[in-house]
N, C-alpha and C. Protein backbone atom coordinates (compact mmCIF):
# COMPACT_ATOMS: atom_id res chain seq x y z
N MET A 1 11.60 -1.58 -10.09
CA MET A 1 10.38 -2.03 -9.44
C MET A 1 10.57 -2.24 -7.94
N GLU A 2 11.79 -2.43 -7.48
CA GLU A 2 12.02 -2.74 -6.07
C GLU A 2 11.33 -1.75 -5.14
N LYS A 3 11.45 -0.46 -5.39
CA LYS A 3 10.84 0.55 -4.51
C LYS A 3 9.33 0.60 -4.68
N LEU A 4 8.79 -0.04 -5.71
CA LEU A 4 7.34 -0.04 -5.89
C LEU A 4 6.66 -1.18 -5.14
N ILE A 5 7.45 -2.01 -4.47
CA ILE A 5 6.88 -2.99 -3.55
C ILE A 5 6.75 -2.29 -2.21
N SER A 6 5.53 -2.29 -1.68
CA SER A 6 5.26 -1.56 -0.44
C SER A 6 5.89 -2.25 0.76
N CYS A 7 5.80 -1.62 1.90
CA CYS A 7 6.36 -2.18 3.13
C CYS A 7 5.80 -3.56 3.43
N CYS A 8 4.50 -3.77 3.15
CA CYS A 8 3.86 -5.05 3.45
C CYS A 8 4.03 -6.05 2.32
N GLY A 9 4.47 -5.59 1.14
CA GLY A 9 4.70 -6.48 0.02
C GLY A 9 3.74 -6.30 -1.14
N LEU A 10 2.72 -5.47 -0.97
CA LEU A 10 1.82 -5.20 -2.10
C LEU A 10 2.59 -4.45 -3.18
N ASN A 11 2.16 -4.60 -4.41
CA ASN A 11 2.83 -3.97 -5.54
C ASN A 11 2.18 -2.62 -5.84
N CYS A 12 2.83 -1.54 -5.47
CA CYS A 12 2.29 -0.19 -5.70
C CYS A 12 2.12 0.10 -7.20
N GLU A 13 2.91 -0.57 -8.02
CA GLU A 13 2.85 -0.34 -9.46
C GLU A 13 1.47 -0.67 -10.02
N THR A 14 0.76 -1.61 -9.38
CA THR A 14 -0.55 -2.03 -9.86
C THR A 14 -1.69 -1.36 -9.10
N CYS A 15 -1.37 -0.48 -8.16
CA CYS A 15 -2.40 0.19 -7.34
C CYS A 15 -3.07 1.31 -8.14
N ASP A 16 -4.41 1.29 -8.14
CA ASP A 16 -5.16 2.29 -8.89
C ASP A 16 -4.90 3.71 -8.41
N ALA A 17 -4.62 3.89 -7.12
CA ALA A 17 -4.33 5.24 -6.62
C ALA A 17 -3.03 5.76 -7.23
N ARG A 18 -2.02 4.92 -7.31
CA ARG A 18 -0.76 5.34 -7.91
C ARG A 18 -0.92 5.57 -9.40
N ILE A 19 -1.63 4.69 -10.07
CA ILE A 19 -1.84 4.84 -11.51
C ILE A 19 -2.60 6.14 -11.79
N ALA A 20 -3.64 6.41 -11.00
CA ALA A 20 -4.41 7.66 -11.18
C ALA A 20 -3.53 8.87 -10.96
N THR A 21 -2.62 8.79 -10.01
CA THR A 21 -1.71 9.90 -9.72
C THR A 21 -0.74 10.11 -10.88
N ILE A 22 -0.11 9.03 -11.32
CA ILE A 22 0.87 9.12 -12.40
C ILE A 22 0.22 9.62 -13.69
N GLU A 23 -1.00 9.12 -13.98
CA GLU A 23 -1.70 9.52 -15.21
C GLU A 23 -2.53 10.79 -15.03
N ASN A 24 -2.60 11.28 -13.79
CA ASN A 24 -3.42 12.45 -13.46
C ASN A 24 -4.85 12.28 -14.01
N SER A 25 -5.45 11.14 -13.66
CA SER A 25 -6.76 10.77 -14.18
C SER A 25 -7.85 10.89 -13.12
N ASP A 26 -8.68 11.92 -13.25
CA ASP A 26 -9.81 12.06 -12.34
C ASP A 26 -10.82 10.95 -12.54
N GLU A 27 -10.95 10.44 -13.76
CA GLU A 27 -11.87 9.33 -14.01
C GLU A 27 -11.47 8.11 -13.19
N LEU A 28 -10.18 7.78 -13.19
CA LEU A 28 -9.70 6.64 -12.41
C LEU A 28 -9.80 6.93 -10.92
N ARG A 29 -9.55 8.17 -10.51
CA ARG A 29 -9.71 8.54 -9.10
C ARG A 29 -11.15 8.29 -8.65
N LYS A 30 -12.12 8.72 -9.46
CA LYS A 30 -13.53 8.54 -9.11
C LYS A 30 -13.88 7.06 -9.04
N ALA A 31 -13.44 6.29 -10.01
CA ALA A 31 -13.72 4.85 -10.03
C ALA A 31 -13.07 4.15 -8.83
N THR A 32 -11.87 4.55 -8.50
CA THR A 32 -11.15 3.95 -7.37
C THR A 32 -11.84 4.29 -6.06
N ALA A 33 -12.22 5.55 -5.89
CA ALA A 33 -12.92 5.95 -4.66
C ALA A 33 -14.20 5.14 -4.49
N ALA A 34 -14.98 4.99 -5.55
CA ALA A 34 -16.23 4.23 -5.48
C ALA A 34 -15.95 2.76 -5.17
N SER A 35 -14.94 2.20 -5.82
CA SER A 35 -14.59 0.80 -5.61
C SER A 35 -14.14 0.55 -4.18
N TRP A 36 -13.27 1.42 -3.66
CA TRP A 36 -12.75 1.24 -2.30
C TRP A 36 -13.84 1.45 -1.26
N GLN A 37 -14.75 2.38 -1.49
CA GLN A 37 -15.86 2.59 -0.55
C GLN A 37 -16.65 1.29 -0.41
N LYS A 38 -16.93 0.66 -1.54
CA LYS A 38 -17.70 -0.58 -1.53
C LYS A 38 -16.87 -1.72 -0.93
N MET A 39 -15.64 -1.86 -1.38
CA MET A 39 -14.78 -2.96 -0.96
C MET A 39 -14.53 -2.95 0.55
N PHE A 40 -14.31 -1.76 1.10
CA PHE A 40 -13.95 -1.64 2.52
C PHE A 40 -15.12 -1.17 3.38
N ASN A 41 -16.32 -1.13 2.77
CA ASN A 41 -17.51 -0.67 3.48
C ASN A 41 -17.20 0.62 4.23
N ALA A 42 -16.62 1.55 3.51
CA ALA A 42 -16.13 2.80 4.10
C ALA A 42 -17.10 3.95 3.84
N ALA A 43 -16.95 4.98 4.64
CA ALA A 43 -17.68 6.22 4.39
C ALA A 43 -17.20 6.78 3.05
N GLU A 44 -17.84 7.82 2.62
CA GLU A 44 -17.47 8.40 1.32
C GLU A 44 -15.98 8.76 1.28
N ILE A 45 -15.35 8.36 0.21
CA ILE A 45 -13.95 8.70 -0.02
C ILE A 45 -13.94 9.75 -1.12
N PRO A 46 -13.54 10.97 -0.81
CA PRO A 46 -13.49 11.99 -1.87
C PRO A 46 -12.49 11.58 -2.95
N TYR A 47 -12.92 11.62 -4.19
CA TYR A 47 -12.04 11.18 -5.27
C TYR A 47 -10.77 12.03 -5.32
N GLU A 48 -10.85 13.27 -4.87
CA GLU A 48 -9.68 14.15 -4.89
C GLU A 48 -8.57 13.65 -3.96
N SER A 49 -8.94 12.77 -3.02
CA SER A 49 -7.94 12.24 -2.07
C SER A 49 -7.19 11.04 -2.64
N ILE A 50 -7.59 10.58 -3.81
CA ILE A 50 -6.93 9.42 -4.42
C ILE A 50 -5.67 9.90 -5.14
N ASN A 51 -4.61 10.02 -4.37
CA ASN A 51 -3.29 10.44 -4.87
C ASN A 51 -2.23 9.70 -4.07
N CYS A 52 -1.32 9.05 -4.75
CA CYS A 52 -0.24 8.34 -4.07
C CYS A 52 0.86 8.03 -5.08
N THR A 53 2.10 8.25 -4.67
CA THR A 53 3.23 7.92 -5.53
C THR A 53 3.77 6.52 -5.24
N GLY A 54 3.40 5.98 -4.09
CA GLY A 54 3.89 4.66 -3.68
C GLY A 54 4.36 4.71 -2.25
N CYS A 55 4.23 3.60 -1.57
CA CYS A 55 4.52 3.50 -0.14
C CYS A 55 5.94 3.92 0.24
N ARG A 56 6.91 3.48 -0.54
CA ARG A 56 8.31 3.72 -0.17
C ARG A 56 9.01 4.74 -1.05
N ILE A 57 8.22 5.48 -1.83
CA ILE A 57 8.77 6.50 -2.72
C ILE A 57 8.39 7.87 -2.15
N ASP A 58 9.31 8.82 -2.21
CA ASP A 58 8.99 10.17 -1.78
C ASP A 58 7.84 10.71 -2.61
N GLY A 59 7.00 11.48 -1.97
CA GLY A 59 5.88 12.10 -2.67
C GLY A 59 4.59 11.92 -1.90
N VAL A 60 3.53 12.32 -2.52
CA VAL A 60 2.21 12.29 -1.91
C VAL A 60 1.78 10.85 -1.60
N LYS A 61 1.04 10.68 -0.50
CA LYS A 61 0.50 9.38 -0.11
C LYS A 61 -1.00 9.50 0.08
N PHE A 62 -1.73 8.45 -0.28
CA PHE A 62 -3.15 8.36 0.05
C PHE A 62 -3.25 8.36 1.57
N THR A 63 -4.31 8.92 2.10
CA THR A 63 -4.47 9.08 3.55
C THR A 63 -4.15 7.79 4.30
N HIS A 64 -4.71 6.68 3.87
CA HIS A 64 -4.45 5.41 4.56
C HIS A 64 -2.97 5.05 4.50
N CYS A 65 -2.36 5.24 3.36
CA CYS A 65 -0.95 4.88 3.20
C CYS A 65 -0.05 5.75 4.08
N GLU A 66 -0.39 7.01 4.19
CA GLU A 66 0.41 7.94 5.01
C GLU A 66 0.40 7.52 6.48
N SER A 67 -0.74 7.03 6.96
CA SER A 67 -0.86 6.68 8.38
C SER A 67 -0.88 5.18 8.62
N CYS A 68 -0.50 4.39 7.63
CA CYS A 68 -0.56 2.93 7.71
C CYS A 68 0.28 2.40 8.88
N GLU A 69 -0.36 1.57 9.69
CA GLU A 69 0.30 0.99 10.86
C GLU A 69 1.50 0.13 10.44
N ILE A 70 1.36 -0.58 9.34
CA ILE A 70 2.45 -1.43 8.85
C ILE A 70 3.63 -0.56 8.42
N ARG A 71 3.35 0.45 7.62
CA ARG A 71 4.39 1.35 7.14
C ARG A 71 5.09 2.04 8.32
N ASN A 72 4.31 2.49 9.29
CA ASN A 72 4.89 3.16 10.46
C ASN A 72 5.77 2.21 11.26
N CYS A 73 5.36 0.96 11.41
CA CYS A 73 6.16 -0.03 12.14
C CYS A 73 7.50 -0.26 11.43
N VAL A 74 7.44 -0.44 10.12
CA VAL A 74 8.66 -0.66 9.34
C VAL A 74 9.62 0.52 9.50
N LYS A 75 9.08 1.73 9.41
CA LYS A 75 9.92 2.93 9.54
C LYS A 75 10.51 3.04 10.95
N GLU A 76 9.69 2.76 11.98
CA GLU A 76 10.17 2.84 13.37
C GLU A 76 11.31 1.86 13.63
N LYS A 77 11.24 0.69 13.01
CA LYS A 77 12.27 -0.33 13.21
C LYS A 77 13.49 -0.10 12.32
N GLY A 78 13.39 0.86 11.40
CA GLY A 78 14.51 1.16 10.52
C GLY A 78 14.66 0.19 9.36
N TYR A 79 13.60 -0.52 9.02
CA TYR A 79 13.63 -1.48 7.93
C TYR A 79 13.14 -0.84 6.64
N GLU A 80 13.38 -1.52 5.53
CA GLU A 80 12.83 -1.12 4.24
C GLU A 80 11.42 -1.69 4.06
N THR A 81 11.25 -2.97 4.45
CA THR A 81 9.97 -3.67 4.31
C THR A 81 9.80 -4.63 5.48
N CYS A 82 8.62 -5.22 5.56
CA CYS A 82 8.37 -6.26 6.56
C CYS A 82 9.28 -7.47 6.34
N GLY A 83 9.71 -7.66 5.11
CA GLY A 83 10.59 -8.78 4.79
C GLY A 83 11.93 -8.71 5.51
N ASP A 84 12.30 -7.55 6.02
CA ASP A 84 13.54 -7.39 6.76
C ASP A 84 13.39 -7.78 8.22
N CYS A 85 12.16 -8.00 8.66
CA CYS A 85 11.87 -8.24 10.07
C CYS A 85 11.76 -9.74 10.34
N SER A 86 12.44 -10.21 11.37
CA SER A 86 12.41 -11.64 11.72
C SER A 86 11.05 -12.05 12.27
N GLU A 87 10.21 -11.10 12.63
CA GLU A 87 8.89 -11.41 13.20
C GLU A 87 7.78 -11.43 12.15
N MET A 88 8.10 -11.23 10.88
CA MET A 88 7.07 -11.12 9.86
C MET A 88 6.10 -12.30 9.86
N GLY A 89 6.58 -13.50 9.99
CA GLY A 89 5.73 -14.69 9.94
C GLY A 89 4.70 -14.79 11.04
N THR A 90 4.95 -14.12 12.15
CA THR A 90 4.02 -14.17 13.29
C THR A 90 3.42 -12.81 13.60
N CYS A 91 3.69 -11.83 12.78
CA CYS A 91 3.24 -10.46 13.05
C CYS A 91 1.74 -10.31 12.84
N LYS A 92 1.06 -9.81 13.85
CA LYS A 92 -0.38 -9.60 13.76
C LYS A 92 -0.72 -8.34 12.96
N ILE A 93 0.22 -7.42 12.84
CA ILE A 93 -0.03 -6.17 12.11
C ILE A 93 -0.16 -6.43 10.62
N VAL A 94 0.71 -7.22 10.06
CA VAL A 94 0.72 -7.46 8.61
C VAL A 94 -0.06 -8.72 8.21
N ALA A 95 -0.49 -9.50 9.19
CA ALA A 95 -1.15 -10.78 8.92
C ALA A 95 -2.38 -10.63 8.02
N PHE A 96 -3.19 -9.61 8.23
CA PHE A 96 -4.41 -9.43 7.44
C PHE A 96 -4.08 -9.26 5.96
N VAL A 97 -3.08 -8.45 5.67
CA VAL A 97 -2.68 -8.24 4.28
C VAL A 97 -2.21 -9.55 3.67
N HIS A 98 -1.35 -10.25 4.38
CA HIS A 98 -0.78 -11.48 3.84
C HIS A 98 -1.82 -12.59 3.73
N GLN A 99 -2.83 -12.57 4.59
CA GLN A 99 -3.91 -13.56 4.50
C GLN A 99 -4.73 -13.35 3.23
N HIS A 100 -5.00 -12.09 2.90
CA HIS A 100 -5.85 -11.79 1.75
C HIS A 100 -5.08 -11.53 0.46
N ALA A 101 -3.78 -11.34 0.57
CA ALA A 101 -2.95 -11.11 -0.62
C ALA A 101 -1.62 -11.86 -0.46
N PRO A 102 -1.66 -13.19 -0.56
CA PRO A 102 -0.42 -13.97 -0.34
C PRO A 102 0.70 -13.63 -1.31
N GLU A 103 0.35 -13.02 -2.44
CA GLU A 103 1.40 -12.60 -3.38
C GLU A 103 2.32 -11.54 -2.75
N ALA A 104 1.83 -10.85 -1.72
CA ALA A 104 2.65 -9.85 -1.04
C ALA A 104 3.86 -10.51 -0.37
N ILE A 105 3.66 -11.69 0.19
CA ILE A 105 4.77 -12.42 0.81
C ILE A 105 5.80 -12.79 -0.25
N GLU A 106 5.33 -13.27 -1.39
CA GLU A 106 6.23 -13.62 -2.49
C GLU A 106 7.01 -12.41 -2.98
N ASN A 107 6.35 -11.25 -3.06
CA ASN A 107 7.03 -10.01 -3.48
C ASN A 107 8.16 -9.68 -2.51
N LEU A 108 7.90 -9.84 -1.21
CA LEU A 108 8.93 -9.54 -0.22
C LEU A 108 10.09 -10.52 -0.32
N LYS A 109 9.80 -11.79 -0.55
CA LYS A 109 10.87 -12.79 -0.68
C LYS A 109 11.77 -12.48 -1.86
N LYS A 110 11.18 -11.96 -2.95
CA LYS A 110 11.95 -11.63 -4.15
C LYS A 110 12.90 -10.46 -3.91
N LEU A 111 12.58 -9.60 -2.93
CA LEU A 111 13.43 -8.46 -2.63
C LEU A 111 14.71 -8.88 -1.90
N ASN A 112 14.64 -9.97 -1.17
CA ASN A 112 15.79 -10.40 -0.36
C ASN A 112 16.65 -11.41 -1.06
C-alpha cells in the first residue's frame, strides 16, 4: 500500500479513477466524471479520460494527476512524498488538500 499513498497523502487505492482503471469499468468512469464535474464545478470531463494507476506508480495518470503542482514539486525536490519535506506544515501548495482531507496528513505520517 505504501506506493498507493499519493505525493500529498491521499490514498490512491480508494480513488475512483484508479478503481475504474484497474477494473476497466466504463460505468465507474462515467459516474466518476459526472461526480467530479459537479464536485469541482468543472467543465465536462470526458469519461474516457478517467484512467489512472496511481500518483507514484508507473503507468497512465488522470490529466490532473499528471500535471499536479504537488506531484511536480515533490518530483523536482527529489522526494517520494510531501511527508519528506520539512516545509510540509507551512506549504501553501499542499495546504488545500490537507485542509479538506486531514487523513492525508495521517497517511504521510504512517509512511515515515
